[in-house]
Amino acid sequence: MWSFFLLLGLLCSSCHGSVTCKNDTDHEVDWYILYKVPRMDSLSGSEYIYIDSNGKKQFNNINSPLGVLGQTLRPLFRPIRNMEESFGFISYSDQPPGSNADNKRFGHSKGVLMADRTGTGLWLSHSTPQFPFRRDQNHFWPHSGNKNAQTFICVTFNYDQFREIGRHLQNIRAFPFEHYVPENFHQELQQVVKWTEEAPPASSVVNVASLTSRGNKAFKSFAKKTSEEEDEGDLYVSIASGIMSDVYVQTWGCQRGRSDSYCPTKGYKVTNVEDVTVEDATGAHILTWKPKVDHSKWCVAVDQNTHWTCIADMNRAVSQYQRHGGALCIHDENVHSQFLRFAKHPNTCRKRPAPSWSSDCDSEDSGGRISSSSSMG
């Protein structure tokens, strides 16, 4: 009898099961957001805040196979030859493990897409260079990822939504550094991994799509246009206009040529965050850090009645206006309230000097790439 259950367990270990976002107990969730803290004081940089429809928690060891990311990525941790015909994935990044994508051809974006064409799939958008480091449950997290704060958003979608998600990945010119997309998958997904030799023309418009999660939660994806002008090339100006609200924005604080807050005489303001403040799940401990140790890219509506929060790809810098990228935005009152609390001391419209380059900044150049002499953030 015991041998039967052992055999059954071994057989099931090769099955991907439902392709959905998972929490730390391996239970399916409709969506979640992770905010990993930077390495500072007594923290190793592997600790993270977890938010889903059930509230907020704090965990350690983001690199654990039993953590939220490890549980979610489990279908990825198998040889491609052992993957079911109904399963496919795309790992994309402008900073894949051991290299950099051509920033003139590919967008400033990072993420993982997994789908079962007979059921559901997930879209995991994030800000961490070299992630996933390997398709291995014990080596998926890059050691360099501990240094700076990072964000992740995972959403479970029915398979039909991946047509629009595939269009989004094409619009942001995602670089697919590893993938397996069967021929019977949506053409939009197949095109993502086929156009690497010849890029589509640059977008002259902002592409906005409405998405609905499996649990019927409203999302929007934004793919920015490319332009030399801030009011057209800045992703966050487009988002503010799209959600009809001023926004607070956190992006990489060591970006060369970092843009100041955008404060037009008419239209919506884009205000830089100067401090990020995170409370633990009990509210007993508070962490505060500066954008120079935060590699995340996100924005939140200032309007208390417009409950949009976006996890994005782009930094706010002149060099980013002509690059492709985008954001995945969630309409949720609790998430919106939480990110408003994260955004402390927003920069005013008064012009301030650009941040000076310091030794504790990674050597990320103006195109969003990282030099070989630096540690990736």
Protein backbone atom coordinates (compact mmCIF):
# COMPACT_ATOMS: atom_id res chain seq x y z
CA MET A 1 0.00 0.00 0.00
CA TRP A 2 2.77 2.45 0.94
CA SER A 3 4.60 1.68 -2.30
CA PHE A 4 1.44 2.60 -4.22
CA PHE A 5 1.22 6.04 -2.56
CA LEU A 6 4.95 6.60 -3.08
CA LEU A 7 4.59 5.81 -6.78
CA LEU A 8 1.54 8.08 -7.02
CA GLY A 9 3.48 10.92 -5.39
CA LEU A 10 6.40 10.49 -7.79
CA LEU A 11 4.09 10.49 -10.77
CA CYS A 12 2.26 13.60 -9.59
CA SER A 13 5.52 15.42 -8.93
CA SER A 14 5.98 15.61 -12.71
CA CYS A 15 2.51 17.12 -13.25
CA HIS A 16 2.20 20.90 -13.32
CA GLY A 17 -1.35 20.90 -11.94
CA SER A 18 -3.19 24.19 -12.22
CA VAL A 19 -1.04 27.01 -13.58
CA THR A 20 -1.91 29.81 -11.17
CA CYS A 21 -0.32 32.21 -8.75
CA LYS A 22 0.39 30.38 -5.47
CA ASN A 23 0.87 31.53 -1.90
CA ASP A 24 3.46 30.18 0.53
CA THR A 25 1.24 27.20 1.45
CA ASP A 26 0.93 26.21 -2.25
CA HIS A 27 -2.71 27.29 -2.42
CA GLU A 28 -4.06 28.99 -5.53
CA VAL A 29 -4.61 32.74 -5.35
CA ASP A 30 -6.11 35.08 -7.92
CA TRP A 31 -3.33 37.66 -7.59
CA TYR A 32 -0.59 38.89 -5.29
CA ILE A 33 2.02 41.62 -4.99
CA LEU A 34 5.45 41.21 -3.37
CA TYR A 35 7.59 44.09 -2.16
CA LYS A 36 11.06 42.80 -1.32
CA VAL A 37 13.04 45.02 1.05
CA PRO A 38 16.63 46.11 0.35
CA ARG A 39 19.62 44.76 2.24
CA MET A 40 20.00 47.14 5.18
CA ASP A 41 20.82 47.16 8.88
CA SER A 42 19.98 43.69 10.21
CA LEU A 43 18.07 42.63 7.07
CA SER A 44 19.61 40.27 4.52
CA GLY A 45 17.54 41.57 1.61
CA SER A 46 15.59 38.31 1.28
CA GLU A 47 12.65 39.53 3.38
CA TYR A 48 9.47 40.62 1.63
CA ILE A 49 5.98 41.99 2.17
CA TYR A 50 3.21 39.92 0.58
CA ILE A 51 -0.19 41.36 -0.34
CA ASP A 52 -3.20 39.53 -1.79
CA SER A 53 -6.97 39.68 -1.45
CA ASN A 54 -6.65 38.33 2.10
CA GLY A 55 -4.43 41.16 3.33
CA LYS A 56 -0.73 41.72 4.03
CA LYS A 57 1.92 39.43 5.53
CA GLN A 58 5.67 39.50 5.99
CA PHE A 59 7.99 36.62 5.06
CA ASN A 60 11.67 35.76 4.98
CA ASN A 61 13.70 33.91 2.34
CA ILE A 62 12.37 35.01 -1.01
CA ASN A 63 14.74 32.44 -2.51
CA SER A 64 13.10 29.47 -0.73
CA PRO A 65 11.46 26.81 -2.93
CA LEU A 66 8.65 26.85 -0.34
CA GLY A 67 8.19 30.63 -0.53
CA VAL A 68 5.64 32.45 -2.66
CA LEU A 69 7.85 32.69 -5.76
CA GLY A 70 9.12 29.13 -5.41
CA GLN A 71 5.58 27.76 -5.18
CA THR A 72 4.36 29.89 -8.09
CA LEU A 73 7.20 28.96 -10.43
CA ARG A 74 7.05 25.21 -9.73
CA PRO A 75 5.72 24.31 -13.23
CA LEU A 76 8.83 25.98 -14.65
CA PHE A 77 11.27 23.77 -12.73
CA ARG A 78 11.28 20.88 -15.19
CA PRO A 79 13.15 20.04 -18.40
CA ILE A 80 11.24 21.31 -21.43
CA ARG A 81 11.10 17.77 -22.83
CA ASN A 82 9.02 16.76 -19.79
CA MET A 83 6.48 19.56 -20.10
CA GLU A 84 2.95 18.75 -21.18
CA GLU A 85 1.81 19.74 -24.67
CA SER A 86 -0.81 22.03 -23.15
CA PHE A 87 1.80 23.99 -21.17
CA GLY A 88 3.94 26.88 -22.34
CA PHE A 89 6.06 29.65 -20.85
CA ILE A 90 8.02 32.79 -21.72
CA SER A 91 10.72 34.26 -19.48
CA TYR A 92 11.60 37.76 -20.68
CA SER A 93 14.05 40.37 -19.44
CA ASP A 94 16.27 43.18 -20.70
CA GLN A 95 18.80 41.89 -18.13
CA PRO A 96 18.68 38.07 -18.41
CA PRO A 97 21.14 35.86 -16.51
CA GLY A 98 24.71 36.58 -17.60
CA SER A 99 23.94 39.12 -20.32
CA ASN A 100 22.03 42.22 -21.43
CA ALA A 101 19.48 42.62 -24.21
CA ASP A 102 20.13 45.17 -26.96
CA ASN A 103 18.44 48.26 -25.55
CA LYS A 104 17.91 49.73 -29.02
CA ARG A 105 15.76 46.78 -30.06
CA PHE A 106 14.20 45.49 -26.86
CA GLY A 107 12.15 47.08 -24.11
CA HIS A 108 13.04 47.76 -20.50
CA SER A 109 10.85 44.98 -19.10
CA LYS A 110 11.03 41.81 -17.01
CA GLY A 111 8.56 39.02 -16.36
CA VAL A 112 7.46 35.40 -16.61
CA LEU A 113 4.37 34.09 -18.37
CA MET A 114 3.11 30.52 -17.91
CA ALA A 115 -0.11 29.08 -19.31
CA ASP A 116 -2.07 25.90 -19.78
CA ARG A 117 -4.16 26.37 -22.92
CA THR A 118 -6.84 24.08 -21.50
CA GLY A 119 -7.36 26.19 -18.40
CA THR A 120 -5.50 29.04 -16.74
CA GLY A 121 -2.14 30.73 -16.66
CA LEU A 122 -0.27 33.46 -14.85
CA TRP A 123 1.58 36.65 -15.64
CA LEU A 124 4.37 37.56 -13.22
CA SER A 125 5.76 41.04 -13.89
CA HIS A 126 8.75 42.22 -11.83
CA SER A 127 11.85 44.43 -11.60
CA THR A 128 14.65 41.99 -10.73
CA PRO A 129 17.63 41.56 -13.11
CA GLN A 130 18.68 37.96 -13.84
CA PHE A 131 15.39 36.50 -12.58
CA PRO A 132 14.68 33.66 -12.77
CA PHE A 133 18.37 32.86 -12.55
CA ARG A 134 17.81 29.18 -13.36
CA ARG A 135 14.78 26.97 -13.94
CA ASP A 136 15.72 25.21 -10.74
CA GLN A 137 13.80 25.32 -7.46
CA ASN A 138 17.08 25.75 -5.55
CA HIS A 139 18.68 28.36 -7.83
CA PHE A 140 15.91 30.52 -9.28
CA TRP A 141 16.78 33.60 -7.21
CA PRO A 142 19.87 35.64 -8.24
CA HIS A 143 22.12 36.45 -5.28
CA SER A 144 22.54 39.98 -6.67
CA GLY A 145 18.81 40.51 -6.22
CA ASN A 146 19.19 40.87 -2.45
CA LYS A 147 20.88 44.27 -2.59
CA ASN A 148 17.98 46.48 -3.68
CA ALA A 149 14.24 46.54 -3.11
CA GLN A 150 12.20 44.87 -5.87
CA THR A 151 8.51 44.42 -6.71
CA PHE A 152 6.53 41.54 -8.24
CA ILE A 153 2.91 41.27 -9.32
CA CYS A 154 1.38 37.90 -10.18
CA VAL A 155 -2.09 37.53 -11.69
CA THR A 156 -4.01 34.36 -12.61
CA PHE A 157 -5.84 34.65 -15.94
CA ASN A 158 -8.02 32.35 -17.98
CA TYR A 159 -6.26 31.25 -21.16
CA ASP A 160 -8.34 33.50 -23.44
CA GLN A 161 -6.78 36.60 -21.81
CA PHE A 162 -3.34 35.65 -23.09
CA ARG A 163 -4.11 36.92 -26.58
CA GLU A 164 -4.12 40.46 -25.17
CA ILE A 165 -1.14 39.75 -22.91
CA GLY A 166 0.77 38.47 -25.95
CA ARG A 167 -0.01 41.74 -27.76
CA HIS A 168 1.26 43.65 -24.74
CA LEU A 169 4.57 41.75 -24.75
CA GLN A 170 4.96 42.57 -28.43
CA ASN A 171 4.14 46.24 -27.83
CA ILE A 172 6.78 46.54 -25.09
CA ARG A 173 9.28 44.54 -27.19
CA ALA A 174 9.93 42.04 -24.44
CA PHE A 175 13.16 40.06 -24.87
CA PRO A 176 12.29 36.33 -24.48
CA PHE A 177 15.53 34.84 -23.19
CA GLU A 178 13.98 31.41 -22.52
CA HIS A 179 10.68 29.98 -23.74
CA TYR A 180 8.57 27.04 -24.77
CA VAL A 181 5.46 27.98 -26.75
CA PRO A 182 3.70 25.06 -28.51
CA GLU A 183 2.39 25.65 -32.03
CA ASN A 184 -1.22 25.35 -30.92
CA PHE A 185 -0.91 28.34 -28.55
CA HIS A 186 -2.27 31.79 -29.39
CA GLN A 187 -0.48 33.34 -32.36
CA GLU A 188 0.08 36.46 -30.26
CA LEU A 189 2.26 34.43 -27.86
CA GLN A 190 4.11 32.69 -30.67
CA GLN A 191 4.95 36.06 -32.21
CA VAL A 192 6.58 37.20 -28.97
CA VAL A 193 9.31 34.58 -29.40
CA LYS A 194 9.62 34.87 -33.20
CA TRP A 195 10.29 38.54 -33.87
CA THR A 196 13.69 38.74 -32.16
CA GLU A 197 15.44 39.03 -35.54
CA GLU A 198 13.21 41.77 -36.94
CA ALA A 199 11.54 44.18 -34.55
CA PRO A 200 8.11 45.66 -35.27
CA PRO A 201 7.92 49.43 -35.86
CA ALA A 202 8.01 51.72 -32.85
CA SER A 203 4.61 52.50 -31.38
CA SER A 204 3.26 55.99 -31.96
CA VAL A 205 0.40 55.55 -29.47
CA VAL A 206 -0.09 54.39 -25.90
CA ASN A 207 -1.58 50.90 -25.95
CA VAL A 208 -4.02 50.31 -23.09
CA ALA A 209 -5.89 47.04 -22.57
CA SER A 210 -8.46 46.00 -19.98
CA LEU A 211 -7.86 42.55 -18.49
CA THR A 212 -9.92 40.45 -16.10
CA SER A 213 -8.38 37.91 -13.75
CA ARG A 214 -9.84 34.47 -13.23
CA GLY A 215 -11.38 35.83 -10.02
CA ASN A 216 -13.01 38.72 -11.92
CA LYS A 217 -10.62 41.42 -10.67
CA ALA A 218 -10.11 44.40 -13.01
CA PHE A 219 -6.63 45.10 -14.41
CA LYS A 220 -5.19 47.37 -17.08
CA SER A 221 -1.99 46.98 -19.07
CA PHE A 222 -0.18 50.05 -20.41
CA ALA A 223 2.44 49.93 -23.18
CA LYS A 224 4.08 53.33 -23.66
CA LYS A 225 4.90 55.12 -26.89
CA THR A 226 8.48 56.11 -27.69
CA SER A 227 9.32 59.78 -27.93
CA GLU A 228 12.03 62.28 -27.04
CA GLU A 229 9.44 64.41 -25.24
CA GLU A 230 8.60 63.84 -21.58
CA ASP A 231 4.85 64.33 -21.99
CA GLU A 232 4.79 61.49 -24.54
CA GLY A 233 7.74 59.25 -23.67
CA ASP A 234 7.28 59.08 -19.89
CA LEU A 235 5.22 55.98 -19.05
CA TYR A 236 3.87 57.54 -15.86
CA VAL A 237 2.51 60.61 -17.64
CA SER A 238 0.54 58.20 -19.84
CA ILE A 239 -0.68 56.22 -16.84
CA ALA A 240 -1.79 59.37 -15.00
CA SER A 241 -3.80 60.42 -18.04
CA GLY A 242 -5.21 56.90 -18.47
CA ILE A 243 -6.47 56.59 -14.89
CA MET A 244 -7.34 60.31 -14.69
CA SER A 245 -5.40 61.02 -11.51
CA ASP A 246 -2.14 62.53 -10.32
CA VAL A 247 0.28 59.76 -9.36
CA TYR A 248 3.10 59.19 -6.91
CA VAL A 249 5.97 57.29 -8.57
CA GLN A 250 8.84 55.21 -7.20
CA THR A 251 11.62 54.30 -9.65
CA TRP A 252 15.32 53.45 -9.47
CA GLY A 253 17.03 56.25 -7.57
CA CYS A 254 20.47 55.75 -9.10
CA GLN A 255 19.31 56.18 -12.69
CA ARG A 256 21.56 58.64 -14.53
CA GLY A 257 19.59 61.62 -15.82
CA ARG A 258 16.70 60.88 -13.45
CA SER A 259 13.66 63.04 -14.19
CA ASP A 260 12.26 65.48 -11.67
CA SER A 261 8.57 65.50 -10.84
CA TYR A 262 6.34 66.36 -13.80
CA CYS A 263 4.10 69.29 -12.99
CA PRO A 264 2.27 70.72 -16.02
CA THR A 265 0.06 73.79 -15.79
CA LYS A 266 -2.75 71.64 -17.21
CA GLY A 267 -3.12 67.91 -16.83
CA TYR A 268 -2.10 65.37 -14.21
CA LYS A 269 1.03 65.56 -12.06
CA VAL A 270 3.65 62.80 -11.76
CA THR A 271 5.37 63.19 -8.40
CA ASN A 272 8.55 61.34 -7.42
CA VAL A 273 8.66 59.49 -4.11
CA GLU A 274 11.61 60.47 -1.91
CA ASP A 275 11.18 57.85 0.83
CA VAL A 276 9.54 54.44 0.94
CA THR A 277 8.10 53.38 4.29
CA VAL A 278 7.01 49.80 4.97
CA GLU A 279 5.29 48.53 8.09
CA ASP A 280 5.45 44.87 8.99
CA ALA A 281 2.25 42.82 9.15
CA THR A 282 1.66 43.80 12.79
CA GLY A 283 2.47 47.48 12.34
CA ALA A 284 4.99 47.24 15.18
CA HIS A 285 8.11 47.83 13.07
CA ILE A 286 8.69 50.39 10.35
CA LEU A 287 11.37 50.38 7.67
CA THR A 288 12.28 53.44 5.61
CA TRP A 289 14.64 53.61 2.65
CA LYS A 290 15.60 55.87 -0.24
CA PRO A 291 15.02 55.21 -3.96
CA LYS A 292 18.77 54.69 -4.50
CA VAL A 293 18.39 51.26 -2.86
CA ASP A 294 15.04 50.55 -4.52
CA HIS A 295 15.11 49.05 -8.01
CA SER A 296 11.29 48.74 -8.12
CA LYS A 297 9.11 50.74 -10.51
CA TRP A 298 5.56 51.50 -9.40
CA CYS A 299 3.00 54.25 -9.16
CA VAL A 300 -0.19 54.83 -7.23
CA ALA A 301 -3.12 57.17 -7.88
CA VAL A 302 -3.18 60.22 -5.60
CA ASP A 303 -6.96 60.47 -5.95
CA GLN A 304 -8.48 58.61 -3.00
CA ASN A 305 -11.46 57.62 -5.17
CA THR A 306 -9.39 56.20 -8.03
CA HIS A 307 -8.07 52.91 -6.70
CA TRP A 308 -5.40 52.15 -9.29
CA THR A 309 -1.90 50.89 -8.45
CA CYS A 310 0.60 49.97 -11.17
CA ILE A 311 3.67 47.73 -11.09
CA ALA A 312 5.76 48.95 -13.99
CA ASP A 313 8.89 48.37 -16.09
CA MET A 314 10.29 51.85 -16.65
CA ASN A 315 12.43 54.31 -14.73
CA ARG A 316 11.77 58.04 -14.84
CA ALA A 317 14.72 59.29 -16.87
CA VAL A 318 15.28 61.03 -20.21
CA SER A 319 16.99 57.92 -21.59
CA GLN A 320 13.84 55.89 -20.92
CA TYR A 321 11.51 58.03 -23.06
CA GLN A 322 12.68 56.36 -26.27
CA ARG A 323 12.63 52.84 -24.86
CA HIS A 324 9.67 50.48 -24.86
CA GLY A 325 8.06 49.32 -21.64
CA GLY A 326 4.80 49.26 -19.75
CA ALA A 327 2.89 48.45 -16.59
CA LEU A 328 0.28 46.12 -15.15
CA CYS A 329 -2.24 47.98 -12.99
CA ILE A 330 -4.68 46.61 -10.42
CA HIS A 331 -7.93 48.25 -9.36
CA ASP A 332 -8.18 47.44 -5.65
CA GLU A 333 -8.93 49.73 -2.72
CA ASN A 334 -6.76 47.86 -0.19
CA VAL A 335 -3.72 47.74 -2.49
CA HIS A 336 -4.20 51.41 -3.34
CA SER A 337 -4.35 52.35 0.34
CA GLN A 338 -1.25 50.29 1.12
CA PHE A 339 0.86 51.85 -1.63
CA LEU A 340 -0.20 55.34 -0.62
CA ARG A 341 1.27 54.49 2.80
CA PHE A 342 4.49 53.27 1.13
CA ALA A 343 4.90 56.63 -0.66
CA LYS A 344 6.31 58.97 1.96
CA HIS A 345 7.69 62.48 1.39
CA PRO A 346 6.74 62.86 -2.27
CA ASN A 347 8.89 65.34 -4.16
CA THR A 348 7.20 68.67 -4.76
CA CYS A 349 7.15 70.51 -8.07
CA ARG A 350 10.11 72.61 -6.98
CA LYS A 351 13.11 71.70 -9.12
CA ARG A 352 15.78 69.81 -7.26
CA PRO A 353 19.31 68.82 -8.25
CA ALA A 354 19.75 65.39 -9.80
CA PRO A 355 21.04 62.77 -7.33
CA SER A 356 24.82 62.58 -7.25
CA TRP A 357 26.45 59.33 -8.25
CA SER A 358 27.81 57.44 -5.27
CA SER A 359 29.74 54.24 -4.66
CA ASP A 360 26.68 52.50 -3.25
CA CYS A 361 24.88 52.85 -6.59
CA ASP A 362 25.14 50.04 -9.13
CA SER A 363 26.70 51.07 -12.43
CA GLU A 364 23.49 51.01 -14.42
CA ASP A 365 23.95 53.12 -17.52
CA SER A 366 21.46 55.48 -19.11
CA GLY A 367 19.90 52.74 -21.20
CA GLY A 368 18.99 50.65 -18.22
CA ARG A 369 21.78 48.13 -18.78
CA ILE A 370 24.33 47.10 -16.18
CA SER A 371 28.05 47.09 -16.77
CA SER A 372 30.02 43.90 -16.37
CA SER A 373 31.91 45.36 -13.41
CA SER A 374 28.80 45.96 -11.34
CA SER A 375 26.48 43.85 -9.28
CA MET A 376 22.98 43.82 -10.71
CA GLY A 377 20.23 45.49 -8.77
